């Protein structure tokens, strides 16, 4: 397990929408589990109620999906920016090509 500072930096990156590697995500999830366990022990909730276990699993699944969707949005945003630059370059070429041709 990485140091507390490293994991807190990963948490900060994740909450700001930055992409994490698979290993970083696994480290962060393990840290979250440790934090949950410590909090549960501090509250005297050392066992998960059978009624809460499915809800907890559902929350974890939803969080995983959220991370996946966030990463996909970031990928699409980067691709869109690349396309915008390419379009701008083509428009620039078109303008210069049309001004060089005699009317």
PDB file of N, CA and C in Angstrom:
ATOM      1  N   UNK A   1       0.861  -1.185   0.000  1.00  0.00           N
ATOM      2  CA  UNK A   1       0.000   0.000   0.000  1.00  0.00           C
ATOM      3  C   UNK A   1       0.892   1.226   0.000  1.00  0.00           C
ATOM      4  N   UNK A   2       0.625   2.167  -0.898  1.00  0.00           N
ATOM      5  CA  UNK A   2       1.415   3.397  -0.932  1.00  0.00           C
ATOM      6  C   UNK A   2       1.183   4.246   0.320  1.00  0.00           C
ATOM      7  N   UNK A   3       2.011   5.261   0.471  1.00  0.00           N
ATOM      8  CA  UNK A   3       1.900   6.119   1.649  1.00  0.00           C
ATOM      9  C   UNK A   3       0.572   6.870   1.650  1.00  0.00           C
ATOM     10  N   UNK A   4       0.213   7.349   2.815  1.00  0.00           N
ATOM     11  CA  UNK A   4      -1.036   8.096   2.991  1.00  0.00           C
ATOM     12  C   UNK A   4      -1.073   9.325   2.079  1.00  0.00           C
ATOM     13  N   UNK A   5       0.072  10.009   1.959  1.00  0.00           N
ATOM     14  CA  UNK A   5       0.133  11.207   1.117  1.00  0.00           C
ATOM     15  C   UNK A   5      -0.123  10.874  -0.352  1.00  0.00           C
ATOM     16  N   UNK A   6       0.460   9.776  -0.812  1.00  0.00           N
ATOM     17  CA  UNK A   6       0.277   9.373  -2.210  1.00  0.00           C
ATOM     18  C   UNK A   6      -1.189   9.061  -2.483  1.00  0.00           C
ATOM     19  N   UNK A   7      -1.820   8.325  -1.569  1.00  0.00           N
ATOM     20  CA  UNK A   7      -3.214   7.956  -1.762  1.00  0.00           C
ATOM     21  C   UNK A   7      -4.110   9.188  -1.692  1.00  0.00           C
ATOM     22  N   UNK A   8      -3.783  10.118  -0.827  1.00  0.00           N
ATOM     23  CA  UNK A   8      -4.571  11.358  -0.761  1.00  0.00           C
ATOM     24  C   UNK A   8      -4.447  12.150  -2.059  1.00  0.00           C
ATOM     25  N   UNK A   9      -3.265  12.119  -2.675  1.00  0.00           N
ATOM     26  CA  UNK A   9      -3.086  12.785  -3.966  1.00  0.00           C
ATOM     27  C   UNK A   9      -3.923  12.095  -5.046  1.00  0.00           C
ATOM     28  N   UNK A  10      -3.972  10.757  -4.995  1.00  0.00           N
ATOM     29  CA  UNK A  10      -4.810  10.014  -5.937  1.00  0.00           C
ATOM     30  C   UNK A  10      -6.281  10.376  -5.738  1.00  0.00           C
ATOM     31  N   UNK A  11      -6.689  10.475  -4.483  1.00  0.00           N
ATOM     32  CA  UNK A  11      -8.066  10.852  -4.171  1.00  0.00           C
ATOM     33  C   UNK A  11      -8.361  12.244  -4.742  1.00  0.00           C
ATOM     34  N   UNK A  12      -7.423  13.158  -4.563  1.00  0.00           N
ATOM     35  CA  UNK A  12      -7.596  14.512  -5.073  1.00  0.00           C
ATOM     36  C   UNK A  12      -7.730  14.492  -6.597  1.00  0.00           C
ATOM     37  N   UNK A  13      -6.874  13.731  -7.271  1.00  0.00           N
ATOM     38  CA  UNK A  13      -6.947  13.625  -8.728  1.00  0.00           C
ATOM     39  C   UNK A  13      -8.304  13.073  -9.156  1.00  0.00           C
ATOM     40  N   UNK A  14      -8.743  12.013  -8.491  1.00  0.00           N
ATOM     41  CA  UNK A  14     -10.002  11.361  -8.866  1.00  0.00           C
ATOM     42  C   UNK A  14     -11.193  12.285  -8.664  1.00  0.00           C
ATOM     43  N   UNK A  15     -11.181  13.036  -7.571  1.00  0.00           N
ATOM     44  CA  UNK A  15     -12.314  13.924  -7.301  1.00  0.00           C
ATOM     45  C   UNK A  15     -12.329  15.132  -8.229  1.00  0.00           C
ATOM     46  N   UNK A  16     -11.204  15.421  -8.847  1.00  0.00           N
ATOM     47  CA  UNK A  16     -11.144  16.533  -9.806  1.00  0.00           C
ATOM     48  C   UNK A  16     -11.379  16.050 -11.237  1.00  0.00           C
ATOM     49  N   UNK A  17     -11.651  14.738 -11.378  1.00  0.00           N
ATOM     50  CA  UNK A  17     -11.973  14.206 -12.697  1.00  0.00           C
ATOM     51  C   UNK A  17     -10.784  13.763 -13.519  1.00  0.00           C
ATOM     52  N   UNK A  18      -9.596  13.728 -12.917  1.00  0.00           N
ATOM     53  CA  UNK A  18      -8.418  13.278 -13.654  1.00  0.00           C
ATOM     54  C   UNK A  18      -8.449  11.758 -13.801  1.00  0.00           C
ATOM     55  N   UNK A  19      -7.859  11.271 -14.874  1.00  0.00           N
ATOM     56  CA  UNK A  19      -7.813   9.832 -15.108  1.00  0.00           C
ATOM     57  C   UNK A  19      -6.769   9.193 -14.200  1.00  0.00           C
ATOM     58  N   UNK A  20      -7.105   8.010 -13.715  1.00  0.00           N
ATOM     59  CA  UNK A  20      -6.165   7.214 -12.928  1.00  0.00           C
ATOM     60  C   UNK A  20      -5.868   5.941 -13.692  1.00  0.00           C
ATOM     61  N   UNK A  21      -4.652   5.437 -13.504  1.00  0.00           N
ATOM     62  CA  UNK A  21      -4.331   4.142 -14.097  1.00  0.00           C
ATOM     63  C   UNK A  21      -5.098   3.066 -13.332  1.00  0.00           C
ATOM     64  N   UNK A  22      -5.129   1.874 -13.877  1.00  0.00           N
ATOM     65  CA  UNK A  22      -5.799   0.777 -13.193  1.00  0.00           C
ATOM     66  C   UNK A  22      -5.195   0.512 -11.828  1.00  0.00           C
ATOM     67  N   UNK A  23      -3.883   0.586 -11.760  1.00  0.00           N
ATOM     68  CA  UNK A  23      -3.196   0.357 -10.479  1.00  0.00           C
ATOM     69  C   UNK A  23      -3.526   1.458  -9.478  1.00  0.00           C
ATOM     70  N   UNK A  24      -3.521   2.700  -9.941  1.00  0.00           N
ATOM     71  CA  UNK A  24      -3.855   3.814  -9.053  1.00  0.00           C
ATOM     72  C   UNK A  24      -5.290   3.688  -8.550  1.00  0.00           C
ATOM     73  N   UNK A  25      -6.203   3.299  -9.448  1.00  0.00           N
ATOM     74  CA  UNK A  25      -7.606   3.132  -9.064  1.00  0.00           C
ATOM     75  C   UNK A  25      -7.738   2.033  -8.015  1.00  0.00           C
ATOM     76  N   UNK A  26      -7.004   0.938  -8.197  1.00  0.00           N
ATOM     77  CA  UNK A  26      -7.050  -0.158  -7.233  1.00  0.00           C
ATOM     78  C   UNK A  26      -6.509   0.290  -5.876  1.00  0.00           C
ATOM     79  N   UNK A  27      -5.434   1.053  -5.891  1.00  0.00           N
ATOM     80  CA  UNK A  27      -4.865   1.566  -4.644  1.00  0.00           C
ATOM     81  C   UNK A  27      -5.860   2.479  -3.940  1.00  0.00           C
ATOM     82  N   UNK A  28      -6.507   3.325  -4.721  1.00  0.00           N
ATOM     83  CA  UNK A  28      -7.473   4.258  -4.144  1.00  0.00           C
ATOM     84  C   UNK A  28      -8.665   3.510  -3.560  1.00  0.00           C
ATOM     85  N   UNK A  29      -9.172   2.520  -4.277  1.00  0.00           N
ATOM     86  CA  UNK A  29     -10.307   1.750  -3.771  1.00  0.00           C
ATOM     87  C   UNK A  29      -9.943   0.981  -2.500  1.00  0.00           C
ATOM     88  N   UNK A  30      -8.711   0.455  -2.447  1.00  0.00           N
ATOM     89  CA  UNK A  30      -8.267  -0.231  -1.233  1.00  0.00           C
ATOM     90  C   UNK A  30      -8.197   0.749  -0.064  1.00  0.00           C
ATOM     91  N   UNK A  31      -7.731   1.958  -0.339  1.00  0.00           N
ATOM     92  CA  UNK A  31      -7.657   2.977   0.706  1.00  0.00           C
ATOM     93  C   UNK A  31      -9.055   3.371   1.172  1.00  0.00           C
ATOM     94  N   UNK A  32      -9.981   3.517   0.208  1.00  0.00           N
ATOM     95  CA  UNK A  32     -11.366   3.820   0.577  1.00  0.00           C
ATOM     96  C   UNK A  32     -11.927   2.724   1.484  1.00  0.00           C
ATOM     97  N   UNK A  33     -11.641   1.478   1.152  1.00  0.00           N
ATOM     98  CA  UNK A  33     -12.139   0.370   1.970  1.00  0.00           C
ATOM     99  C   UNK A  33     -11.566   0.447   3.384  1.00  0.00           C
ATOM    100  N   UNK A  34     -10.278   0.780   3.483  1.00  0.00           N
ATOM    101  CA  UNK A  34      -9.657   0.926   4.806  1.00  0.00           C
ATOM    102  C   UNK A  34     -10.308   2.067   5.588  1.00  0.00           C
ATOM    103  N   UNK A  35     -10.553   3.177   4.902  1.00  0.00           N
ATOM    104  CA  UNK A  35     -11.180   4.319   5.559  1.00  0.00           C
ATOM    105  C   UNK A  35     -12.595   3.962   6.022  1.00  0.00           C
ATOM    106  N   UNK A  36     -13.328   3.245   5.187  1.00  0.00           N
ATOM    107  CA  UNK A  36     -14.682   2.815   5.558  1.00  0.00           C
ATOM    108  C   UNK A  36     -14.651   1.900   6.775  1.00  0.00           C
ATOM    109  N   UNK A  37     -13.690   0.982   6.777  1.00  0.00           N
ATOM    110  CA  UNK A  37     -13.571   0.041   7.891  1.00  0.00           C
ATOM    111  C   UNK A  37     -13.237   0.790   9.181  1.00  0.00           C
ATOM    112  N   UNK A  38     -12.312   1.732   9.103  1.00  0.00           N
ATOM    113  CA  UNK A  38     -11.931   2.504  10.292  1.00  0.00           C
ATOM    114  C   UNK A  38     -13.110   3.327  10.794  1.00  0.00           C
ATOM    115  N   UNK A  39     -13.858   3.904   9.865  1.00  0.00           N
ATOM    116  CA  UNK A  39     -15.019   4.700  10.259  1.00  0.00           C
ATOM    117  C   UNK A  39     -16.095   3.812  10.883  1.00  0.00           C
ATOM    118  N   UNK A  40     -16.300   2.653  10.301  1.00  0.00           N
ATOM    119  CA  UNK A  40     -17.294   1.726  10.846  1.00  0.00           C
ATOM    120  C   UNK A  40     -16.915   1.287  12.253  1.00  0.00           C
ATOM    121  N   UNK A  41     -15.640   0.978  12.445  1.00  0.00           N
ATOM    122  CA  UNK A  41     -15.183   0.581  13.773  1.00  0.00           C
ATOM    123  C   UNK A  41     -15.341   1.725  14.761  1.00  0.00           C
ATOM    124  N   UNK A  42     -15.050   2.939  14.298  1.00  0.00           N
ATOM    125  CA  UNK A  42     -15.187   4.107  15.161  1.00  0.00           C
ATOM    126  C   UNK A  42     -16.635   4.358  15.555  1.00  0.00           C
ATOM    127  N   UNK A  43     -17.549   3.974  14.700  1.00  0.00           N
ATOM    128  CA  UNK A  43     -18.969   4.158  14.990  1.00  0.00           C
ATOM    129  C   UNK A  43     -19.595   2.923  15.638  1.00  0.00           C
ATOM    130  N   UNK A  44     -18.764   1.915  15.849  1.00  0.00           N
ATOM    131  CA  UNK A  44     -19.278   0.690  16.449  1.00  0.00           C
ATOM    132  C   UNK A  44     -20.067  -0.159  15.469  1.00  0.00           C
ATOM    133  N   UNK A  45     -19.818   0.035  14.191  1.00  0.00           N
ATOM    134  CA  UNK A  45     -20.504  -0.735  13.154  1.00  0.00           C
ATOM    135  C   UNK A  45     -19.535  -1.748  12.544  1.00  0.00           C
ATOM    136  N   UNK A  46     -19.144  -2.714  13.337  1.00  0.00           N
ATOM    137  CA  UNK A  46     -18.125  -3.641  12.879  1.00  0.00           C
ATOM    138  C   UNK A  46     -18.660  -4.682  11.902  1.00  0.00           C
ATOM    139  N   UNK A  47     -19.948  -4.812  11.790  1.00  0.00           N
ATOM    140  CA  UNK A  47     -20.495  -5.737  10.789  1.00  0.00           C
ATOM    141  C   UNK A  47     -21.532  -4.986   9.950  1.00  0.00           C
ATOM    142  N   UNK A  48     -21.651  -5.414   8.716  1.00  0.00           N
ATOM    143  CA  UNK A  48     -22.598  -4.783   7.810  1.00  0.00           C
ATOM    144  C   UNK A  48     -23.931  -5.505   7.942  1.00  0.00           C
ATOM    145  N   UNK A  49     -24.955  -4.760   8.138  1.00  0.00           N
ATOM    146  CA  UNK A  49     -26.292  -5.317   8.228  1.00  0.00           C
ATOM    147  C   UNK A  49     -26.619  -6.050   6.934  1.00  0.00           C
ATOM    148  N   UNK A  50     -27.258  -7.212   7.023  1.00  0.00           N
ATOM    149  CA  UNK A  50     -27.631  -7.933   5.799  1.00  0.00           C
ATOM    150  C   UNK A  50     -28.500  -7.089   4.868  1.00  0.00           C
ATOM    151  N   UNK A  51     -29.255  -6.176   5.429  1.00  0.00           N
ATOM    152  CA  UNK A  51     -30.080  -5.301   4.587  1.00  0.00           C
ATOM    153  C   UNK A  51     -29.242  -4.257   3.859  1.00  0.00           C
ATOM    154  N   UNK A  52     -28.112  -3.863   4.469  1.00  0.00           N
ATOM    155  CA  UNK A  52     -27.286  -2.816   3.872  1.00  0.00           C
ATOM    156  C   UNK A  52     -26.275  -3.348   2.865  1.00  0.00           C
ATOM    157  N   UNK A  53     -25.923  -4.611   2.955  1.00  0.00           N
ATOM    158  CA  UNK A  53     -24.904  -5.175   2.068  1.00  0.00           C
ATOM    159  C   UNK A  53     -25.258  -5.002   0.590  1.00  0.00           C
ATOM    160  N   UNK A  54     -26.498  -5.308   0.171  1.00  0.00           N
ATOM    161  CA  UNK A  54     -26.816  -5.094  -1.254  1.00  0.00           C
ATOM    162  C   UNK A  54     -26.743  -3.621  -1.660  1.00  0.00           C
ATOM    163  N   UNK A  55     -27.137  -2.743  -0.765  1.00  0.00           N
ATOM    164  CA  UNK A  55     -27.061  -1.315  -1.070  1.00  0.00           C
ATOM    165  C   UNK A  55     -25.610  -0.859  -1.193  1.00  0.00           C
ATOM    166  N   UNK A  56     -24.771  -1.373  -0.316  1.00  0.00           N
ATOM    167  CA  UNK A  56     -23.357  -1.015  -0.369  1.00  0.00           C
ATOM    168  C   UNK A  56     -22.744  -1.516  -1.677  1.00  0.00           C
ATOM    169  N   UNK A  57     -23.087  -2.724  -2.074  1.00  0.00           N
ATOM    170  CA  UNK A  57     -22.584  -3.269  -3.330  1.00  0.00           C
ATOM    171  C   UNK A  57     -23.079  -2.433  -4.508  1.00  0.00           C
ATOM    172  N   UNK A  58     -24.321  -1.999  -4.442  1.00  0.00           N
ATOM    173  CA  UNK A  58     -24.893  -1.178  -5.500  1.00  0.00           C
ATOM    174  C   UNK A  58     -24.170   0.173  -5.597  1.00  0.00           C
ATOM    175  N   UNK A  59     -23.864   0.753  -4.462  1.00  0.00           N
ATOM    176  CA  UNK A  59     -23.130   2.027  -4.439  1.00  0.00           C
ATOM    177  C   UNK A  59     -21.742   1.833  -5.042  1.00  0.00           C
ATOM    178  N   UNK A  60     -21.067   0.766  -4.673  1.00  0.00           N
ATOM    179  CA  UNK A  60     -19.728   0.506  -5.209  1.00  0.00           C
ATOM    180  C   UNK A  60     -19.776   0.297  -6.716  1.00  0.00           C
ATOM    181  N   UNK A  61     -20.775  -0.426  -7.195  1.00  0.00           N
ATOM    182  CA  UNK A  61     -20.930  -0.640  -8.633  1.00  0.00           C
ATOM    183  C   UNK A  61     -21.177   0.681  -9.349  1.00  0.00           C
ATOM    184  N   UNK A  62     -22.024   1.507  -8.777  1.00  0.00           N
ATOM    185  CA  UNK A  62     -22.336   2.808  -9.375  1.00  0.00           C
ATOM    186  C   UNK A  62     -21.105   3.700  -9.401  1.00  0.00           C
ATOM    187  N   UNK A  63     -20.318   3.669  -8.350  1.00  0.00           N
ATOM    188  CA  UNK A  63     -19.091   4.473  -8.326  1.00  0.00           C
ATOM    189  C   UNK A  63     -18.111   4.014  -9.398  1.00  0.00           C
ATOM    190  N   UNK A  64     -18.000   2.713  -9.575  1.00  0.00           N
ATOM    191  CA  UNK A  64     -17.120   2.180 -10.614  1.00  0.00           C
ATOM    192  C   UNK A  64     -17.603   2.634 -11.988  1.00  0.00           C
ATOM    193  N   UNK A  65     -18.907   2.573 -12.205  1.00  0.00           N
ATOM    194  CA  UNK A  65     -19.467   3.032 -13.480  1.00  0.00           C
ATOM    195  C   UNK A  65     -19.216   4.516 -13.680  1.00  0.00           C
ATOM    196  N   UNK A  66     -19.336   5.282 -12.621  1.00  0.00           N
ATOM    197  CA  UNK A  66     -19.107   6.723 -12.696  1.00  0.00           C
ATOM    198  C   UNK A  66     -17.669   7.025 -13.103  1.00  0.00           C
ATOM    199  N   UNK A  67     -16.720   6.303 -12.530  1.00  0.00           N
ATOM    200  CA  UNK A  67     -15.314   6.494 -12.879  1.00  0.00           C
ATOM    201  C   UNK A  67     -15.109   6.165 -14.355  1.00  0.00           C
ATOM    202  N   UNK A  68     -15.708   5.070 -14.819  1.00  0.00           N
ATOM    203  CA  UNK A  68     -15.578   4.663 -16.220  1.00  0.00           C
ATOM    204  C   UNK A  68     -16.154   5.722 -17.150  1.00  0.00           C
ATOM    205  N   UNK A  69     -17.332   6.214 -16.835  1.00  0.00           N
ATOM    206  CA  UNK A  69     -17.971   7.235 -17.665  1.00  0.00           C
ATOM    207  C   UNK A  69     -17.145   8.522 -17.659  1.00  0.00           C
ATOM    208  N   UNK A  70     -16.629   8.890 -16.508  1.00  0.00           N
ATOM    209  CA  UNK A  70     -15.802  10.093 -16.405  1.00  0.00           C
ATOM    210  C   UNK A  70     -14.559   9.971 -17.284  1.00  0.00           C
ATOM    211  N   UNK A  71     -13.923   8.811 -17.252  1.00  0.00           N
ATOM    212  CA  UNK A  71     -12.737   8.606 -18.081  1.00  0.00           C
ATOM    213  C   UNK A  71     -13.092   8.679 -19.563  1.00  0.00           C
ATOM    214  N   UNK A  72     -14.231   8.116 -19.943  1.00  0.00           N
ATOM    215  CA  UNK A  72     -14.662   8.164 -21.343  1.00  0.00           C
ATOM    216  C   UNK A  72     -14.941   9.612 -21.769  1.00  0.00           C
ATOM    217  N   UNK A  73     -15.556  10.379 -20.904  1.00  0.00           N
ATOM    218  CA  UNK A  73     -15.818  11.788 -21.211  1.00  0.00           C
ATOM    219  C   UNK A  73     -14.501  12.537 -21.417  1.00  0.00           C
ATOM    220  N   UNK A  74     -13.521  12.246 -20.575  1.00  0.00           N
ATOM    221  CA  UNK A  74     -12.223  12.903 -20.717  1.00  0.00           C
ATOM    222  C   UNK A  74     -11.565  12.524 -22.042  1.00  0.00           C
ATOM    223  N   UNK A  75     -11.674  11.250 -22.433  1.00  0.00           N
ATOM    224  CA  UNK A  75     -11.110  10.811 -23.709  1.00  0.00           C
ATOM    225  C   UNK A  75     -11.797  11.528 -24.872  1.00  0.00           C
ATOM    226  N   UNK A  76     -13.128  11.601 -24.829  1.00  0.00           N
ATOM    227  CA  UNK A  76     -13.875  12.270 -25.895  1.00  0.00           C
ATOM    228  C   UNK A  76     -13.564  13.761 -25.951  1.00  0.00           C
ATOM    229  N   UNK A  77     -13.380  14.370 -24.809  1.00  0.00           N
ATOM    230  CA  UNK A  77     -13.025  15.789 -24.765  1.00  0.00           C
ATOM    231  C   UNK A  77     -11.680  16.018 -25.437  1.00  0.00           C
ATOM    232  N   UNK A  78     -10.730  15.148 -25.163  1.00  0.00           N
ATOM    233  CA  UNK A  78      -9.407  15.270 -25.795  1.00  0.00           C
ATOM    234  C   UNK A  78      -9.511  15.057 -27.305  1.00  0.00           C
ATOM    235  N   UNK A  79     -10.296  14.074 -27.725  1.00  0.00           N
ATOM    236  CA  UNK A  79     -10.479  13.832 -29.157  1.00  0.00           C
ATOM    237  C   UNK A  79     -11.160  15.016 -29.828  1.00  0.00           C
ATOM    238  N   UNK A  80     -12.154  15.591 -29.173  1.00  0.00           N
ATOM    239  CA  UNK A  80     -12.843  16.761 -29.729  1.00  0.00           C
ATOM    240  C   UNK A  80     -11.885  17.933 -29.895  1.00  0.00           C
ATOM    241  N   UNK A  81     -11.023  18.131 -28.920  1.00  0.00           N
ATOM    242  CA  UNK A  81     -10.058  19.227 -29.006  1.00  0.00           C
ATOM    243  C   UNK A  81      -9.106  19.013 -30.179  1.00  0.00           C
ATOM    244  N   UNK A  82      -8.669  17.786 -30.385  1.00  0.00           N
ATOM    245  CA  UNK A  82      -7.804  17.469 -31.526  1.00  0.00           C
ATOM    246  C   UNK A  82      -8.530  17.777 -32.831  1.00  0.00           C
ATOM    247  N   UNK A  83      -9.784  17.358 -32.921  1.00  0.00           N
ATOM    248  CA  UNK A  83     -10.567  17.626 -34.129  1.00  0.00           C
ATOM    249  C   UNK A  83     -10.770  19.128 -34.346  1.00  0.00           C
ATOM    250  N   UNK A  84     -10.998  19.873 -33.281  1.00  0.00           N
ATOM    251  CA  UNK A  84     -11.157  21.330 -33.413  1.00  0.00           C
ATOM    252  C   UNK A  84      -9.898  21.973 -33.995  1.00  0.00           C
ATOM    253  N   UNK A  85      -8.742  21.512 -33.510  1.00  0.00           N
ATOM    254  CA  UNK A  85      -7.476  22.057 -34.029  1.00  0.00           C
ATOM    255  C   UNK A  85      -7.296  21.703 -35.505  1.00  0.00           C
ATOM    256  N   UNK A  86      -7.636  20.455 -35.867  1.00  0.00           N
ATOM    257  CA  UNK A  86      -7.512  20.036 -37.259  1.00  0.00           C
ATOM    258  C   UNK A  86      -8.456  20.838 -38.157  1.00  0.00           C
ATOM    259  N   UNK A  87      -9.670  21.065 -37.713  1.00  0.00           N
ATOM    260  CA  UNK A  87     -10.637  21.848 -38.485  1.00  0.00           C
ATOM    261  C   UNK A  87     -10.126  23.274 -38.660  1.00  0.00           C
ATOM    262  N   UNK A  88      -9.610  23.852 -37.597  1.00  0.00           N
ATOM    263  CA  UNK A  88      -9.084  25.222 -37.679  1.00  0.00           C
ATOM    264  C   UNK A  88      -7.927  25.294 -38.676  1.00  0.00           C
ATOM    265  N   UNK A  89      -7.059  24.288 -38.658  1.00  0.00           N
ATOM    266  CA  UNK A  89      -5.928  24.270 -39.589  1.00  0.00           C
ATOM    267  C   UNK A  89      -6.425  24.139 -41.026  1.00  0.00           C
ATOM    268  N   UNK A  90      -7.411  23.297 -41.264  1.00  0.00           N
ATOM    269  CA  UNK A  90      -7.968  23.132 -42.612  1.00  0.00           C
ATOM    270  C   UNK A  90      -8.660  24.412 -43.079  1.00  0.00           C
ATOM    271  N   UNK A  91      -9.388  25.072 -42.185  1.00  0.00           N
ATOM    272  CA  UNK A  91     -10.034  26.335 -42.551  1.00  0.00           C
ATOM    273  C   UNK A  91      -8.982  27.394 -42.912  1.00  0.00           C
ATOM    274  N   UNK A  92      -7.912  27.391 -42.155  1.00  0.00           N
ATOM    275  CA  UNK A  92      -6.821  28.330 -42.421  1.00  0.00           C
ATOM    276  C   UNK A  92      -6.223  28.054 -43.797  1.00  0.00           C
ATOM    277  N   UNK A  93      -5.991  26.775 -44.121  1.00  0.00           N
ATOM    278  CA  UNK A  93      -5.451  26.394 -45.430  1.00  0.00           C
ATOM    279  C   UNK A  93      -6.412  26.792 -46.548  1.00  0.00           C
ATOM    280  N   UNK A  94      -7.688  26.586 -46.324  1.00  0.00           N
ATOM    281  CA  UNK A  94      -8.697  26.915 -47.333  1.00  0.00           C
ATOM    282  C   UNK A  94      -8.722  28.416 -47.613  1.00  0.00           C
ATOM    283  N   UNK A  95      -8.644  29.204 -46.562  1.00  0.00           N
ATOM    284  CA  UNK A  95      -8.648  30.661 -46.732  1.00  0.00           C
ATOM    285  C   UNK A  95      -7.423  31.106 -47.526  1.00  0.00           C
ATOM    286  N   UNK A  96      -6.266  30.567 -47.190  1.00  0.00           N
ATOM    287  CA  UNK A  96      -5.035  30.947 -47.889  1.00  0.00           C
ATOM    288  C   UNK A  96      -5.045  30.437 -49.317  1.00  0.00           C
ATOM    289  N   UNK A  97      -5.603  29.270 -49.560  1.00  0.00           N
ATOM    290  CA  UNK A  97      -5.667  28.733 -50.923  1.00  0.00           C
ATOM    291  C   UNK A  97      -6.605  29.567 -51.792  1.00  0.00           C
ATOM    292  N   UNK A  98      -7.706  30.009 -51.234  1.00  0.00           N
ATOM    293  CA  UNK A  98      -8.670  30.789 -52.016  1.00  0.00           C
ATOM    294  C   UNK A  98      -8.175  32.210 -52.289  1.00  0.00           C
ATOM    295  N   UNK A  99      -7.321  32.745 -51.443  1.00  0.00           N
ATOM    296  CA  UNK A  99      -6.799  34.093 -51.682  1.00  0.00           C
ATOM    297  C   UNK A  99      -5.653  34.076 -52.687  1.00  0.00           C
ATOM    298  N   UNK A 100      -5.012  32.926 -52.896  1.00  0.00           N
ATOM    299  CA  UNK A 100      -3.909  32.822 -53.848  1.00  0.00           C
ATOM    300  C   UNK A 100      -4.402  32.627 -55.274  1.00  0.00           C
ATOM    301  N   UNK A 101      -5.590  32.099 -55.447  1.00  0.00           N
ATOM    302  CA  UNK A 101      -6.119  31.840 -56.792  1.00  0.00           C
ATOM    303  C   UNK A 101      -6.702  33.126 -57.368  1.00  0.00           C
ATOM    304  N   UNK A 102      -6.367  33.382 -58.633  1.00  0.00           N
ATOM    305  CA  UNK A 102      -6.948  34.589 -59.256  1.00  0.00           C
ATOM    306  C   UNK A 102      -8.440  34.395 -59.483  1.00  0.00           C
ATOM    307  N   UNK A 103      -9.176  35.463 -59.372  1.00  0.00           N
ATOM    308  CA  UNK A 103     -10.629  35.395 -59.528  1.00  0.00           C
ATOM    309  C   UNK A 103     -11.049  35.373 -60.956  1.00  0.00           C
TER     310      UNK A 103
END
